[in-house]
PDB file of all heavy atoms in Angstrom:
ATOM      1  N   ALA A   1     149.424 231.404 -20.991  1.00  0.00           N
ATOM      2  CA  ALA A   1     150.017 232.261 -19.962  1.00  0.00           C
ATOM      3  C   ALA A   1     149.310 233.614 -19.925  1.00  0.00           C
ATOM      4  O   ALA A   1     148.849 234.119 -20.951  1.00  0.00           O
ATOM      5  CB  ALA A   1     151.502 232.458 -20.242  1.00  0.00           C
ATOM      6  N   PRO A   2     149.227 234.233 -18.750  1.00  0.00           N
ATOM      7  CA  PRO A   2     148.613 235.569 -18.664  1.00  0.00           C
ATOM      8  C   PRO A   2     149.501 236.616 -19.339  1.00  0.00           C
ATOM      9  O   PRO A   2     150.714 236.437 -19.465  1.00  0.00           O
ATOM     10  CB  PRO A   2     148.513 235.805 -17.155  1.00  0.00           C
ATOM     11  CG  PRO A   2     149.554 234.926 -16.555  1.00  0.00           C
ATOM     12  CD  PRO A   2     149.640 233.721 -17.435  1.00  0.00           C
ATOM     13  N   PRO A   3     148.885 237.729 -19.763  1.00  0.00           N
ATOM     14  CA  PRO A   3     149.658 238.749 -20.468  1.00  0.00           C
ATOM     15  C   PRO A   3     150.356 239.701 -19.514  1.00  0.00           C
ATOM     16  O   PRO A   3     150.013 239.813 -18.344  1.00  0.00           O
ATOM     17  CB  PRO A   3     148.575 239.488 -21.256  1.00  0.00           C
ATOM     18  CG  PRO A   3     147.371 239.414 -20.347  1.00  0.00           C
ATOM     19  CD  PRO A   3     147.456 238.060 -19.680  1.00  0.00           C
ATOM     20  N   GLN A   4     151.334 240.394 -20.042  1.00  0.00           N
ATOM     21  CA  GLN A   4     151.904 241.536 -19.316  1.00  0.00           C
ATOM     22  C   GLN A   4     150.880 242.671 -19.326  1.00  0.00           C
ATOM     23  O   GLN A   4     150.022 242.754 -20.200  1.00  0.00           O
ATOM     24  CB  GLN A   4     153.160 242.052 -20.018  1.00  0.00           C
ATOM     25  CG  GLN A   4     154.297 241.083 -20.146  1.00  0.00           C
ATOM     26  CD  GLN A   4     155.463 241.740 -20.858  1.00  0.00           C
ATOM     27  OE1 GLN A   4     156.379 242.253 -20.219  1.00  0.00           O
ATOM     28  NE2 GLN A   4     155.436 241.747 -22.184  1.00  0.00           N
ATOM     29  N   ASP A   5     150.998 243.562 -18.368  1.00  0.00           N
ATOM     30  CA  ASP A   5     150.160 244.753 -18.378  1.00  0.00           C
ATOM     31  C   ASP A   5     150.726 245.765 -19.372  1.00  0.00           C
ATOM     32  O   ASP A   5     151.915 245.752 -19.705  1.00  0.00           O
ATOM     33  CB  ASP A   5     150.119 245.384 -16.984  1.00  0.00           C
ATOM     34  CG  ASP A   5     149.362 244.521 -15.980  1.00  0.00           C
ATOM     35  OD1 ASP A   5     148.437 243.801 -16.411  1.00  0.00           O
ATOM     36  OD2 ASP A   5     149.697 244.574 -14.778  1.00  0.00           O
ATOM     37  N   ALA A   6     149.853 246.643 -19.855  1.00  0.00           N
ATOM     38  CA  ALA A   6     150.336 247.782 -20.631  1.00  0.00           C
ATOM     39  C   ALA A   6     151.049 248.742 -19.654  1.00  0.00           C
ATOM     40  O   ALA A   6     150.694 248.784 -18.476  1.00  0.00           O
ATOM     41  CB  ALA A   6     149.158 248.471 -21.305  1.00  0.00           C
ATOM     42  N   PRO A   7     152.070 249.470 -20.102  1.00  0.00           N
ATOM     43  CA  PRO A   7     152.512 249.631 -21.484  1.00  0.00           C
ATOM     44  C   PRO A   7     153.544 248.611 -21.947  1.00  0.00           C
ATOM     45  O   PRO A   7     153.951 248.644 -23.110  1.00  0.00           O
ATOM     46  CB  PRO A   7     153.110 251.036 -21.484  1.00  0.00           C
ATOM     47  CG  PRO A   7     153.691 251.171 -20.108  1.00  0.00           C
ATOM     48  CD  PRO A   7     152.730 250.447 -19.194  1.00  0.00           C
ATOM     49  N   ALA A   8     154.008 247.703 -21.062  1.00  0.00           N
ATOM     50  CA  ALA A   8     154.979 246.705 -21.505  1.00  0.00           C
ATOM     51  C   ALA A   8     154.388 245.831 -22.611  1.00  0.00           C
ATOM     52  O   ALA A   8     155.097 245.401 -23.527  1.00  0.00           O
ATOM     53  CB  ALA A   8     155.427 245.846 -20.322  1.00  0.00           C
ATOM     54  N   ASN A   9     153.098 245.585 -22.527  1.00  0.00           N
ATOM     55  CA  ASN A   9     152.407 244.776 -23.518  1.00  0.00           C
ATOM     56  C   ASN A   9     151.995 245.674 -24.683  1.00  0.00           C
ATOM     57  O   ASN A   9     150.974 246.356 -24.636  1.00  0.00           O
ATOM     58  CB  ASN A   9     151.180 244.115 -22.869  1.00  0.00           C
ATOM     59  CG  ASN A   9     150.463 243.164 -23.809  1.00  0.00           C
ATOM     60  OD1 ASN A   9     150.543 243.274 -25.018  1.00  0.00           O
ATOM     61  ND2 ASN A   9     149.732 242.226 -23.218  1.00  0.00           N
ATOM     62  N   GLU A  10     152.785 245.667 -25.736  1.00  0.00           N
ATOM     63  CA  GLU A  10     152.523 246.544 -26.878  1.00  0.00           C
ATOM     64  C   GLU A  10     151.231 246.158 -27.600  1.00  0.00           C
ATOM     65  O   GLU A  10     150.572 247.008 -28.206  1.00  0.00           O
ATOM     66  CB  GLU A  10     153.705 246.514 -27.852  1.00  0.00           C
ATOM     67  CG  GLU A  10     154.973 247.139 -27.291  1.00  0.00           C
ATOM     68  CD  GLU A  10     156.081 247.218 -28.324  1.00  0.00           C
ATOM     69  OE1 GLU A  10     155.755 247.320 -29.540  1.00  0.00           O
ATOM     70  OE2 GLU A  10     157.256 247.171 -27.934  1.00  0.00           O
ATOM     71  N   TYR A  11     150.878 244.880 -27.552  1.00  0.00           N
ATOM     72  CA  TYR A  11     149.618 244.451 -28.177  1.00  0.00           C
ATOM     73  C   TYR A  11     148.437 245.105 -27.463  1.00  0.00           C
ATOM     74  O   TYR A  11     147.492 245.578 -28.103  1.00  0.00           O
ATOM     75  CB  TYR A  11     149.503 242.931 -28.136  1.00  0.00           C
ATOM     76  CG  TYR A  11     148.270 242.389 -28.830  1.00  0.00           C
ATOM     77  CD1 TYR A  11     148.248 242.174 -30.206  1.00  0.00           C
ATOM     78  CD2 TYR A  11     147.114 242.100 -28.105  1.00  0.00           C
ATOM     79  CE1 TYR A  11     147.117 241.689 -30.849  1.00  0.00           C
ATOM     80  CE2 TYR A  11     145.974 241.606 -28.734  1.00  0.00           C
ATOM     81  CZ  TYR A  11     145.985 241.405 -30.099  1.00  0.00           C
ATOM     82  OH  TYR A  11     144.854 240.925 -30.729  1.00  0.00           O
ATOM     83  N   TRP A  12     148.480 245.144 -26.159  1.00  0.00           N
ATOM     84  CA  TRP A  12     147.388 245.736 -25.369  1.00  0.00           C
ATOM     85  C   TRP A  12     147.293 247.239 -25.640  1.00  0.00           C
ATOM     86  O   TRP A  12     146.193 247.786 -25.794  1.00  0.00           O
ATOM     87  CB  TRP A  12     147.630 245.479 -23.887  1.00  0.00           C
ATOM     88  CG  TRP A  12     146.398 245.531 -23.036  1.00  0.00           C
ATOM     89  CD1 TRP A  12     145.253 246.235 -23.282  1.00  0.00           C
ATOM     90  CD2 TRP A  12     146.194 244.858 -21.797  1.00  0.00           C
ATOM     91  NE1 TRP A  12     144.337 246.034 -22.283  1.00  0.00           N
ATOM     92  CE2 TRP A  12     144.897 245.189 -21.346  1.00  0.00           C
ATOM     93  CE3 TRP A  12     146.980 244.013 -21.009  1.00  0.00           C
ATOM     94  CZ2 TRP A  12     144.370 244.698 -20.153  1.00  0.00           C
ATOM     95  CZ3 TRP A  12     146.453 243.522 -19.829  1.00  0.00           C
ATOM     96  CH2 TRP A  12     145.173 243.860 -19.396  1.00  0.00           C
ATOM     97  N   VAL A  13     148.426 247.883 -25.712  1.00  0.00           N
ATOM     98  CA  VAL A  13     148.448 249.319 -26.018  1.00  0.00           C
ATOM     99  C   VAL A  13     147.788 249.578 -27.369  1.00  0.00           C
ATOM    100  O   VAL A  13     146.937 250.467 -27.525  1.00  0.00           O
ATOM    101  CB  VAL A  13     149.889 249.857 -26.009  1.00  0.00           C
ATOM    102  CG1 VAL A  13     149.927 251.296 -26.525  1.00  0.00           C
ATOM    103  CG2 VAL A  13     150.487 249.766 -24.607  1.00  0.00           C
ATOM    104  N   SER A  14     148.182 248.770 -28.355  1.00  0.00           N
ATOM    105  CA  SER A  14     147.627 248.941 -29.696  1.00  0.00           C
ATOM    106  C   SER A  14     146.142 248.600 -29.723  1.00  0.00           C
ATOM    107  O   SER A  14     145.353 249.260 -30.422  1.00  0.00           O
ATOM    108  CB  SER A  14     148.386 248.058 -30.696  1.00  0.00           C
ATOM    109  OG  SER A  14     147.925 248.252 -32.009  1.00  0.00           O
ATOM    110  N   LEU A  15     145.728 247.592 -28.962  1.00  0.00           N
ATOM    111  CA  LEU A  15     144.318 247.216 -28.908  1.00  0.00           C
ATOM    112  C   LEU A  15     143.474 248.372 -28.380  1.00  0.00           C
ATOM    113  O   LEU A  15     142.414 248.694 -28.940  1.00  0.00           O
ATOM    114  CB  LEU A  15     144.139 245.974 -28.033  1.00  0.00           C
ATOM    115  CG  LEU A  15     142.707 245.471 -27.831  1.00  0.00           C
ATOM    116  CD1 LEU A  15     142.059 245.106 -29.165  1.00  0.00           C
ATOM    117  CD2 LEU A  15     142.690 244.253 -26.890  1.00  0.00           C
ATOM    118  N   ASN A  16     143.930 249.009 -27.311  1.00  0.00           N
ATOM    119  CA  ASN A  16     143.197 250.152 -26.768  1.00  0.00           C
ATOM    120  C   ASN A  16     143.060 251.267 -27.804  1.00  0.00           C
ATOM    121  O   ASN A  16     141.997 251.882 -27.951  1.00  0.00           O
ATOM    122  CB  ASN A  16     143.893 250.689 -25.517  1.00  0.00           C
ATOM    123  CG  ASN A  16     143.754 249.767 -24.321  1.00  0.00           C
ATOM    124  OD1 ASN A  16     142.860 248.919 -24.270  1.00  0.00           O
ATOM    125  ND2 ASN A  16     144.650 249.911 -23.355  1.00  0.00           N
ATOM    126  N   GLU A  17     144.129 251.516 -28.523  1.00  0.00           N
ATOM    127  CA  GLU A  17     144.103 252.572 -29.538  1.00  0.00           C
ATOM    128  C   GLU A  17     143.118 252.218 -30.651  1.00  0.00           C
ATOM    129  O   GLU A  17     142.354 253.074 -31.121  1.00  0.00           O
ATOM    130  CB  GLU A  17     145.504 252.777 -30.123  1.00  0.00           C
ATOM    131  CG  GLU A  17     146.510 253.351 -29.139  1.00  0.00           C
ATOM    132  CD  GLU A  17     147.918 253.397 -29.699  1.00  0.00           C
ATOM    133  OE1 GLU A  17     148.131 252.833 -30.802  1.00  0.00           O
ATOM    134  OE2 GLU A  17     148.801 253.979 -29.041  1.00  0.00           O
ATOM    135  N   ARG A  18     143.133 250.990 -31.065  1.00  0.00           N
ATOM    136  CA  ARG A  18     142.282 250.564 -32.182  1.00  0.00           C
ATOM    137  C   ARG A  18     140.806 250.545 -31.778  1.00  0.00           C
ATOM    138  O   ARG A  18     139.932 250.793 -32.615  1.00  0.00           O
ATOM    139  CB  ARG A  18     142.724 249.189 -32.668  1.00  0.00           C
ATOM    140  CG  ARG A  18     144.076 249.199 -33.367  1.00  0.00           C
ATOM    141  CD  ARG A  18     144.654 247.791 -33.487  1.00  0.00           C
ATOM    142  NE  ARG A  18     145.983 247.792 -34.078  1.00  0.00           N
ATOM    143  CZ  ARG A  18     146.239 247.577 -35.369  1.00  0.00           C
ATOM    144  NH1 ARG A  18     145.238 247.351 -36.206  1.00  0.00           N
ATOM    145  NH2 ARG A  18     147.471 247.586 -35.820  1.00  0.00           N
ATOM    146  N   LEU A  19     140.524 250.196 -30.518  1.00  0.00           N
ATOM    147  CA  LEU A  19     139.140 250.168 -30.063  1.00  0.00           C
ATOM    148  C   LEU A  19     138.612 251.557 -29.717  1.00  0.00           C
ATOM    149  O   LEU A  19     137.398 251.768 -29.679  1.00  0.00           O
ATOM    150  CB  LEU A  19     139.001 249.247 -28.842  1.00  0.00           C
ATOM    151  CG  LEU A  19     139.233 247.756 -29.063  1.00  0.00           C
ATOM    152  CD1 LEU A  19     139.043 246.993 -27.753  1.00  0.00           C
ATOM    153  CD2 LEU A  19     138.302 247.197 -30.131  1.00  0.00           C
ATOM    154  N   GLY A  20     139.493 252.486 -29.413  1.00  0.00           N
ATOM    155  CA  GLY A  20     139.060 253.822 -29.026  1.00  0.00           C
ATOM    156  C   GLY A  20     138.622 253.903 -27.580  1.00  0.00           C
ATOM    157  O   GLY A  20     137.822 254.763 -27.202  1.00  0.00           O
ATOM    158  N   GLY A  21     139.150 253.020 -26.758  1.00  0.00           N
ATOM    159  CA  GLY A  21     138.817 252.982 -25.341  1.00  0.00           C
ATOM    160  C   GLY A  21     139.713 251.987 -24.646  1.00  0.00           C
ATOM    161  O   GLY A  21     140.611 251.395 -25.249  1.00  0.00           O
ATOM    162  N   GLU A  22     139.467 251.780 -23.350  1.00  0.00           N
ATOM    163  CA  GLU A  22     140.316 250.888 -22.571  1.00  0.00           C
ATOM    164  C   GLU A  22     139.697 249.486 -22.502  1.00  0.00           C
ATOM    165  O   GLU A  22     138.549 249.332 -22.077  1.00  0.00           O
ATOM    166  CB  GLU A  22     140.511 251.430 -21.157  1.00  0.00           C
ATOM    167  CG  GLU A  22     141.520 250.633 -20.346  1.00  0.00           C
ATOM    168  CD  GLU A  22     141.775 251.237 -18.978  1.00  0.00           C
ATOM    169  OE1 GLU A  22     141.196 252.315 -18.684  1.00  0.00           O
ATOM    170  OE2 GLU A  22     142.530 250.634 -18.203  1.00  0.00           O
ATOM    171  N   PHE A  23     140.461 248.502 -22.927  1.00  0.00           N
ATOM    172  CA  PHE A  23     140.021 247.103 -22.915  1.00  0.00           C
ATOM    173  C   PHE A  23     140.385 246.500 -21.559  1.00  0.00           C
ATOM    174  O   PHE A  23     141.556 246.424 -21.199  1.00  0.00           O
ATOM    175  CB  PHE A  23     140.719 246.340 -24.047  1.00  0.00           C
ATOM    176  CG  PHE A  23     140.265 244.923 -24.213  1.00  0.00           C
ATOM    177  CD1 PHE A  23     139.025 244.634 -24.774  1.00  0.00           C
ATOM    178  CD2 PHE A  23     141.082 243.858 -23.837  1.00  0.00           C
ATOM    179  CE1 PHE A  23     138.607 243.318 -24.950  1.00  0.00           C
ATOM    180  CE2 PHE A  23     140.673 242.550 -23.998  1.00  0.00           C
ATOM    181  CZ  PHE A  23     139.437 242.275 -24.555  1.00  0.00           C
ATOM    182  N   LYS A  24     139.357 246.094 -20.774  1.00  0.00           N
ATOM    183  CA  LYS A  24     139.570 245.584 -19.422  1.00  0.00           C
ATOM    184  C   LYS A  24     138.962 244.189 -19.307  1.00  0.00           C
ATOM    185  O   LYS A  24     137.785 244.033 -18.979  1.00  0.00           O
ATOM    186  CB  LYS A  24     138.950 246.537 -18.400  1.00  0.00           C
ATOM    187  CG  LYS A  24     139.560 247.937 -18.397  1.00  0.00           C
ATOM    188  CD  LYS A  24     139.053 248.777 -17.240  1.00  0.00           C
ATOM    189  CE  LYS A  24     139.560 248.237 -15.918  1.00  0.00           C
ATOM    190  NZ  LYS A  24     139.188 249.138 -14.772  1.00  0.00           N
ATOM    191  N   PRO A  25     139.777 243.152 -19.586  1.00  0.00           N
ATOM    192  CA  PRO A  25     139.244 241.791 -19.570  1.00  0.00           C
ATOM    193  C   PRO A  25     139.353 241.126 -18.200  1.00  0.00           C
ATOM    194  O   PRO A  25     140.255 241.419 -17.408  1.00  0.00           O
ATOM    195  CB  PRO A  25     140.150 241.079 -20.572  1.00  0.00           C
ATOM    196  CG  PRO A  25     141.487 241.747 -20.382  1.00  0.00           C
ATOM    197  CD  PRO A  25     141.168 243.197 -20.080  1.00  0.00           C
ATOM    198  N   THR A  26     138.410 240.239 -17.929  1.00  0.00           N
ATOM    199  CA  THR A  26     138.561 239.243 -16.869  1.00  0.00           C
ATOM    200  C   THR A  26     138.935 237.945 -17.564  1.00  0.00           C
ATOM    201  O   THR A  26     138.145 237.398 -18.341  1.00  0.00           O
ATOM    202  CB  THR A  26     137.251 239.063 -16.080  1.00  0.00           C
ATOM    203  OG1 THR A  26     136.928 240.291 -15.424  1.00  0.00           O
ATOM    204  CG2 THR A  26     137.386 237.954 -15.051  1.00  0.00           C
ATOM    205  N   LEU A  27     140.163 237.476 -17.327  1.00  0.00           N
ATOM    206  CA  LEU A  27     140.700 236.314 -18.030  1.00  0.00           C
ATOM    207  C   LEU A  27     140.565 235.085 -17.147  1.00  0.00           C
ATOM    208  O   LEU A  27     141.062 235.060 -16.016  1.00  0.00           O
ATOM    209  CB  LEU A  27     142.161 236.554 -18.408  1.00  0.00           C
ATOM    210  CG  LEU A  27     142.416 237.804 -19.268  1.00  0.00           C
ATOM    211  CD1 LEU A  27     143.908 238.025 -19.454  1.00  0.00           C
ATOM    212  CD2 LEU A  27     141.723 237.676 -20.623  1.00  0.00           C
ATOM    213  N   VAL A  28     139.914 234.057 -17.674  1.00  0.00           N
ATOM    214  CA  VAL A  28     139.564 232.877 -16.883  1.00  0.00           C
ATOM    215  C   VAL A  28     140.074 231.627 -17.574  1.00  0.00           C
ATOM    216  O   VAL A  28     139.745 231.368 -18.744  1.00  0.00           O
ATOM    217  CB  VAL A  28     138.036 232.785 -16.702  1.00  0.00           C
ATOM    218  CG1 VAL A  28     137.663 231.556 -15.904  1.00  0.00           C
ATOM    219  CG2 VAL A  28     137.487 234.043 -16.052  1.00  0.00           C
ATOM    220  N   ALA A  29     140.889 230.843 -16.876  1.00  0.00           N
ATOM    221  CA  ALA A  29     141.331 229.556 -17.416  1.00  0.00           C
ATOM    222  C   ALA A  29     140.108 228.672 -17.639  1.00  0.00           C
ATOM    223  O   ALA A  29     139.171 228.656 -16.833  1.00  0.00           O
ATOM    224  CB  ALA A  29     142.307 228.882 -16.464  1.00  0.00           C
ATOM    225  N   PHE A  30     140.110 227.911 -18.739  1.00  0.00           N
ATOM    226  CA  PHE A  30     138.906 227.163 -19.093  1.00  0.00           C
ATOM    227  C   PHE A  30     138.530 226.122 -18.040  1.00  0.00           C
ATOM    228  O   PHE A  30     137.348 225.838 -17.842  1.00  0.00           O
ATOM    229  CB  PHE A  30     139.067 226.492 -20.464  1.00  0.00           C
ATOM    230  CG  PHE A  30     137.756 225.976 -21.013  1.00  0.00           C
ATOM    231  CD1 PHE A  30     136.766 226.862 -21.404  1.00  0.00           C
ATOM    232  CD2 PHE A  30     137.507 224.620 -21.123  1.00  0.00           C
ATOM    233  CE1 PHE A  30     135.553 226.416 -21.907  1.00  0.00           C
ATOM    234  CE2 PHE A  30     136.299 224.159 -21.616  1.00  0.00           C
ATOM    235  CZ  PHE A  30     135.323 225.055 -22.012  1.00  0.00           C
ATOM    236  N   ASP A  31     139.516 225.557 -17.349  1.00  0.00           N
ATOM    237  CA  ASP A  31     139.184 224.546 -16.339  1.00  0.00           C
ATOM    238  C   ASP A  31     138.526 225.156 -15.106  1.00  0.00           C
ATOM    239  O   ASP A  31     138.027 224.431 -14.238  1.00  0.00           O
ATOM    240  CB  ASP A  31     140.410 223.712 -15.952  1.00  0.00           C
ATOM    241  CG  ASP A  31     141.562 224.547 -15.413  1.00  0.00           C
ATOM    242  OD1 ASP A  31     141.422 225.782 -15.325  1.00  0.00           O
ATOM    243  OD2 ASP A  31     142.604 223.960 -15.079  1.00  0.00           O
ATOM    244  N   THR A  32     138.529 226.480 -14.988  1.00  0.00           N
ATOM    245  CA  THR A  32     137.812 227.139 -13.889  1.00  0.00           C
ATOM    246  C   THR A  32     136.632 227.964 -14.404  1.00  0.00           C
ATOM    247  O   THR A  32     136.039 228.734 -13.650  1.00  0.00           O
ATOM    248  CB  THR A  32     138.758 228.057 -13.091  1.00  0.00           C
ATOM    249  OG1 THR A  32     139.221 229.129 -13.928  1.00  0.00           O
ATOM    250  CG2 THR A  32     139.955 227.286 -12.548  1.00  0.00           C
ATOM    251  N   TYR A  33     136.294 227.776 -15.677  1.00  0.00           N
ATOM    252  CA  TYR A  33     135.257 228.592 -16.306  1.00  0.00           C
ATOM    253  C   TYR A  33     133.929 228.488 -15.557  1.00  0.00           C
ATOM    254  O   TYR A  33     133.282 229.498 -15.273  1.00  0.00           O
ATOM    255  CB  TYR A  33     135.078 228.169 -17.764  1.00  0.00           C
ATOM    256  CG  TYR A  33     133.935 228.868 -18.472  1.00  0.00           C
ATOM    257  CD1 TYR A  33     134.149 230.071 -19.132  1.00  0.00           C
ATOM    258  CD2 TYR A  33     132.650 228.338 -18.473  1.00  0.00           C
ATOM    259  CE1 TYR A  33     133.100 230.728 -19.781  1.00  0.00           C
ATOM    260  CE2 TYR A  33     131.602 228.986 -19.112  1.00  0.00           C
ATOM    261  CZ  TYR A  33     131.830 230.172 -19.767  1.00  0.00           C
ATOM    262  OH  TYR A  33     130.791 230.814 -20.390  1.00  0.00           O
ATOM    263  N   ASN A  34     133.494 227.270 -15.226  1.00  0.00           N
ATOM    264  CA  ASN A  34     132.189 227.077 -14.596  1.00  0.00           C
ATOM    265  C   ASN A  34     132.061 227.860 -13.292  1.00  0.00           C
ATOM    266  O   ASN A  34     131.096 228.605 -13.086  1.00  0.00           O
ATOM    267  CB  ASN A  34     131.949 225.584 -14.337  1.00  0.00           C
ATOM    268  CG  ASN A  34     131.731 224.810 -15.623  1.00  0.00           C
ATOM    269  OD1 ASN A  34     131.795 225.360 -16.712  1.00  0.00           O
ATOM    270  ND2 ASN A  34     131.491 223.519 -15.498  1.00  0.00           N
ATOM    271  N   GLU A  35     133.043 227.678 -12.422  1.00  0.00           N
ATOM    272  CA  GLU A  35     132.934 228.330 -11.117  1.00  0.00           C
ATOM    273  C   GLU A  35     133.086 229.841 -11.234  1.00  0.00           C
ATOM    274  O   GLU A  35     132.412 230.608 -10.525  1.00  0.00           O
ATOM    275  CB  GLU A  35     133.961 227.758 -10.141  1.00  0.00           C
ATOM    276  CG  GLU A  35     135.410 227.927 -10.556  1.00  0.00           C
ATOM    277  CD  GLU A  35     136.368 227.229  -9.597  1.00  0.00           C
ATOM    278  OE1 GLU A  35     136.572 226.011  -9.750  1.00  0.00           O
ATOM    279  OE2 GLU A  35     136.894 227.922  -8.708  1.00  0.00           O
ATOM    280  N   LYS A  36     133.947 230.304 -12.133  1.00  0.00           N
ATOM    281  CA  LYS A  36     134.125 231.746 -12.309  1.00  0.00           C
ATOM    282  C   LYS A  36     132.880 232.384 -12.910  1.00  0.00           C
ATOM    283  O   LYS A  36     132.492 233.499 -12.533  1.00  0.00           O
ATOM    284  CB  LYS A  36     135.349 232.027 -13.183  1.00  0.00           C
ATOM    285  CG  LYS A  36     136.676 231.596 -12.570  1.00  0.00           C
ATOM    286  CD  LYS A  36     137.028 232.430 -11.342  1.00  0.00           C
ATOM    287  CE  LYS A  36     138.428 232.076 -10.842  1.00  0.00           C
ATOM    288  NZ  LYS A  36     138.800 232.849  -9.635  1.00  0.00           N
TER     289      LYS A  36
END
């Protein structure tokens, strides 16, 4: 399932803090990986 956006997603908030920047992923389901 896709994640909630920050700040509701506490994991994402913590990830940004730990990396020292903003984590901005493009999330792709594996069955659409080739075309994406």
